[in-house]
Amino acid sequence: MTAVEWLLDNLISEPYTEQDFEHNSKCWDRAKQMEKEQMLDFGEFIIDELEPMAQNRDWVEERYNYFKSE
């Protein structure tokens, strides 16, 4: 579940009371934390996947030339 999906499932759609607003604020803070964790997890995954290729100079040069040409 993404942070946005979690947030939509947990927000009070029409917050009428102070407790509703507080609940939504806590949900917003939790969703931001979840998003950060998801981004870090994704970064670790990418590093694990790309590290062996990045150690290959030919692969790095090929990627450089590809991005340079765009």
N, C-alpha and C. Protein backbone atom coordinates (compact mmCIF):
# COMPACT_ATOMS: atom_id res chain seq x y z
N MET A 1 0.85 -1.17 0.00
CA MET A 1 0.00 0.00 0.00
C MET A 1 0.89 1.23 0.00
N THR A 2 0.59 2.15 -0.88
CA THR A 2 1.37 3.38 -0.92
C THR A 2 0.91 4.33 0.18
N ALA A 3 1.71 5.33 0.44
CA ALA A 3 1.37 6.33 1.46
C ALA A 3 0.08 7.06 1.08
N VAL A 4 -0.09 7.35 -0.19
CA VAL A 4 -1.30 8.05 -0.64
C VAL A 4 -2.53 7.17 -0.45
N GLU A 5 -2.44 5.90 -0.81
CA GLU A 5 -3.56 4.99 -0.61
C GLU A 5 -3.91 4.88 0.87
N TRP A 6 -2.89 4.76 1.71
CA TRP A 6 -3.13 4.67 3.14
C TRP A 6 -3.81 5.93 3.65
N LEU A 7 -3.32 7.08 3.19
CA LEU A 7 -3.88 8.35 3.63
C LEU A 7 -5.35 8.46 3.25
N LEU A 8 -5.67 8.15 2.00
CA LEU A 8 -7.06 8.23 1.56
C LEU A 8 -7.97 7.31 2.34
N ASP A 9 -7.46 6.15 2.72
CA ASP A 9 -8.25 5.20 3.51
C ASP A 9 -8.47 5.68 4.95
N ASN A 10 -7.60 6.54 5.45
CA ASN A 10 -7.64 6.90 6.87
C ASN A 10 -8.11 8.32 7.17
N LEU A 11 -8.21 9.17 6.17
CA LEU A 11 -8.66 10.54 6.43
C LEU A 11 -10.16 10.57 6.69
N ILE A 12 -10.56 11.48 7.53
CA ILE A 12 -11.99 11.75 7.74
C ILE A 12 -12.38 12.76 6.66
N SER A 13 -13.29 12.38 5.79
CA SER A 13 -13.58 13.19 4.60
C SER A 13 -14.20 14.54 4.95
N GLU A 14 -14.99 14.61 6.01
CA GLU A 14 -15.57 15.89 6.41
C GLU A 14 -15.29 16.12 7.90
N PRO A 15 -14.09 16.64 8.19
CA PRO A 15 -13.71 16.82 9.60
C PRO A 15 -14.48 17.97 10.25
N TYR A 16 -15.38 17.64 11.17
CA TYR A 16 -16.20 18.66 11.82
C TYR A 16 -15.69 19.06 13.19
N THR A 17 -15.00 18.15 13.84
CA THR A 17 -14.56 18.44 15.22
C THR A 17 -13.05 18.65 15.26
N GLU A 18 -12.61 19.18 16.39
CA GLU A 18 -11.17 19.35 16.59
C GLU A 18 -10.45 18.00 16.56
N GLN A 19 -11.10 16.97 17.11
CA GLN A 19 -10.52 15.63 17.10
C GLN A 19 -10.38 15.11 15.66
N ASP A 20 -11.34 15.43 14.80
CA ASP A 20 -11.26 15.03 13.39
C ASP A 20 -10.06 15.69 12.73
N PHE A 21 -9.90 16.99 12.98
CA PHE A 21 -8.76 17.71 12.40
C PHE A 21 -7.44 17.15 12.93
N GLU A 22 -7.39 16.85 14.22
CA GLU A 22 -6.18 16.27 14.81
C GLU A 22 -5.89 14.90 14.21
N HIS A 23 -6.94 14.10 14.04
CA HIS A 23 -6.77 12.79 13.41
C HIS A 23 -6.20 12.94 12.00
N ASN A 24 -6.77 13.85 11.22
CA ASN A 24 -6.28 14.05 9.85
C ASN A 24 -4.84 14.55 9.83
N SER A 25 -4.49 15.41 10.78
CA SER A 25 -3.12 15.91 10.86
C SER A 25 -2.15 14.77 11.16
N LYS A 26 -2.52 13.90 12.09
CA LYS A 26 -1.67 12.75 12.40
C LYS A 26 -1.55 11.82 11.20
N CYS A 27 -2.66 11.64 10.49
CA CYS A 27 -2.61 10.80 9.28
C CYS A 27 -1.67 11.40 8.25
N TRP A 28 -1.74 12.72 8.07
CA TRP A 28 -0.87 13.40 7.11
C TRP A 28 0.59 13.19 7.48
N ASP A 29 0.91 13.37 8.76
CA ASP A 29 2.28 13.18 9.22
C ASP A 29 2.74 11.74 9.00
N ARG A 30 1.87 10.78 9.28
CA ARG A 30 2.21 9.36 9.09
C ARG A 30 2.42 9.06 7.61
N ALA A 31 1.58 9.61 6.75
CA ALA A 31 1.73 9.38 5.31
C ALA A 31 3.05 9.94 4.80
N LYS A 32 3.45 11.11 5.30
CA LYS A 32 4.75 11.68 4.90
C LYS A 32 5.89 10.77 5.33
N GLN A 33 5.81 10.21 6.52
CA GLN A 33 6.83 9.29 7.01
C GLN A 33 6.85 8.02 6.16
N MET A 34 5.66 7.50 5.84
CA MET A 34 5.57 6.30 5.01
C MET A 34 6.19 6.55 3.64
N GLU A 35 5.91 7.73 3.06
CA GLU A 35 6.47 8.06 1.75
C GLU A 35 7.99 8.09 1.80
N LYS A 36 8.54 8.69 2.86
CA LYS A 36 9.99 8.75 3.01
C LYS A 36 10.57 7.33 3.09
N GLU A 37 9.94 6.47 3.88
CA GLU A 37 10.41 5.09 4.01
C GLU A 37 10.34 4.36 2.67
N GLN A 38 9.26 4.59 1.92
CA GLN A 38 9.12 3.95 0.62
C GLN A 38 10.20 4.44 -0.35
N MET A 39 10.51 5.73 -0.31
CA MET A 39 11.54 6.27 -1.18
C MET A 39 12.91 5.68 -0.83
N LEU A 40 13.20 5.57 0.46
CA LEU A 40 14.47 5.00 0.89
C LEU A 40 14.57 3.52 0.51
N ASP A 41 13.47 2.79 0.68
CA ASP A 41 13.45 1.38 0.28
C ASP A 41 13.71 1.25 -1.22
N PHE A 42 13.08 2.11 -2.01
CA PHE A 42 13.28 2.08 -3.45
C PHE A 42 14.73 2.41 -3.80
N GLY A 43 15.29 3.41 -3.13
CA GLY A 43 16.69 3.77 -3.38
C GLY A 43 17.63 2.62 -3.08
N GLU A 44 17.39 1.94 -1.97
CA GLU A 44 18.23 0.78 -1.64
C GLU A 44 18.08 -0.32 -2.68
N PHE A 45 16.86 -0.53 -3.17
CA PHE A 45 16.62 -1.53 -4.20
C PHE A 45 17.39 -1.18 -5.48
N ILE A 46 17.32 0.07 -5.89
CA ILE A 46 18.00 0.51 -7.11
C ILE A 46 19.51 0.35 -6.96
N ILE A 47 20.04 0.73 -5.80
CA ILE A 47 21.48 0.60 -5.57
C ILE A 47 21.88 -0.87 -5.68
N ASP A 48 21.11 -1.75 -5.04
CA ASP A 48 21.42 -3.18 -5.09
C ASP A 48 21.38 -3.72 -6.51
N GLU A 49 20.41 -3.24 -7.30
CA GLU A 49 20.25 -3.73 -8.67
C GLU A 49 21.31 -3.16 -9.61
N LEU A 50 21.65 -1.90 -9.44
CA LEU A 50 22.54 -1.23 -10.40
C LEU A 50 24.02 -1.29 -10.04
N GLU A 51 24.33 -1.52 -8.79
CA GLU A 51 25.73 -1.49 -8.37
C GLU A 51 26.62 -2.40 -9.20
N PRO A 52 26.23 -3.67 -9.45
CA PRO A 52 27.11 -4.51 -10.26
C PRO A 52 27.33 -3.95 -11.67
N MET A 53 26.29 -3.35 -12.25
CA MET A 53 26.44 -2.79 -13.60
C MET A 53 27.28 -1.52 -13.56
N ALA A 54 27.10 -0.71 -12.51
CA ALA A 54 27.82 0.56 -12.42
C ALA A 54 29.32 0.36 -12.25
N GLN A 55 29.72 -0.81 -11.78
CA GLN A 55 31.14 -1.09 -11.63
C GLN A 55 31.78 -1.42 -12.97
N ASN A 56 30.97 -1.59 -13.99
CA ASN A 56 31.45 -1.86 -15.34
C ASN A 56 31.58 -0.54 -16.08
N ARG A 57 32.81 -0.11 -16.37
CA ARG A 57 33.05 1.20 -16.99
C ARG A 57 32.33 1.34 -18.32
N ASP A 58 32.26 0.30 -19.11
CA ASP A 58 31.56 0.39 -20.40
C ASP A 58 30.08 0.69 -20.20
N TRP A 59 29.47 0.05 -19.20
CA TRP A 59 28.06 0.29 -18.92
C TRP A 59 27.84 1.73 -18.48
N VAL A 60 28.72 2.22 -17.62
CA VAL A 60 28.59 3.59 -17.13
C VAL A 60 28.73 4.57 -18.30
N GLU A 61 29.70 4.35 -19.16
CA GLU A 61 29.89 5.24 -20.30
C GLU A 61 28.69 5.20 -21.24
N GLU A 62 28.14 4.03 -21.45
CA GLU A 62 26.95 3.89 -22.30
C GLU A 62 25.78 4.70 -21.72
N ARG A 63 25.57 4.60 -20.41
CA ARG A 63 24.49 5.35 -19.75
C ARG A 63 24.75 6.86 -19.86
N TYR A 64 26.00 7.25 -19.66
CA TYR A 64 26.37 8.66 -19.76
C TYR A 64 26.04 9.20 -21.14
N ASN A 65 26.45 8.47 -22.16
CA ASN A 65 26.21 8.91 -23.53
C ASN A 65 24.70 8.97 -23.84
N TYR A 66 23.96 8.02 -23.31
CA TYR A 66 22.51 8.01 -23.54
C TYR A 66 21.86 9.25 -22.94
N PHE A 67 22.17 9.55 -21.68
CA PHE A 67 21.54 10.69 -21.02
C PHE A 67 22.05 12.01 -21.56
N LYS A 68 23.29 12.03 -21.99
CA LYS A 68 23.87 13.25 -22.56
C LYS A 68 23.17 13.61 -23.87
N SER A 69 22.74 12.60 -24.63
CA SER A 69 22.14 12.85 -25.93
C SER A 69 20.69 13.32 -25.84
N GLU A 70 20.09 13.22 -24.67
CA GLU A 70 18.68 13.66 -24.55
C GLU A 70 18.56 15.12 -24.31
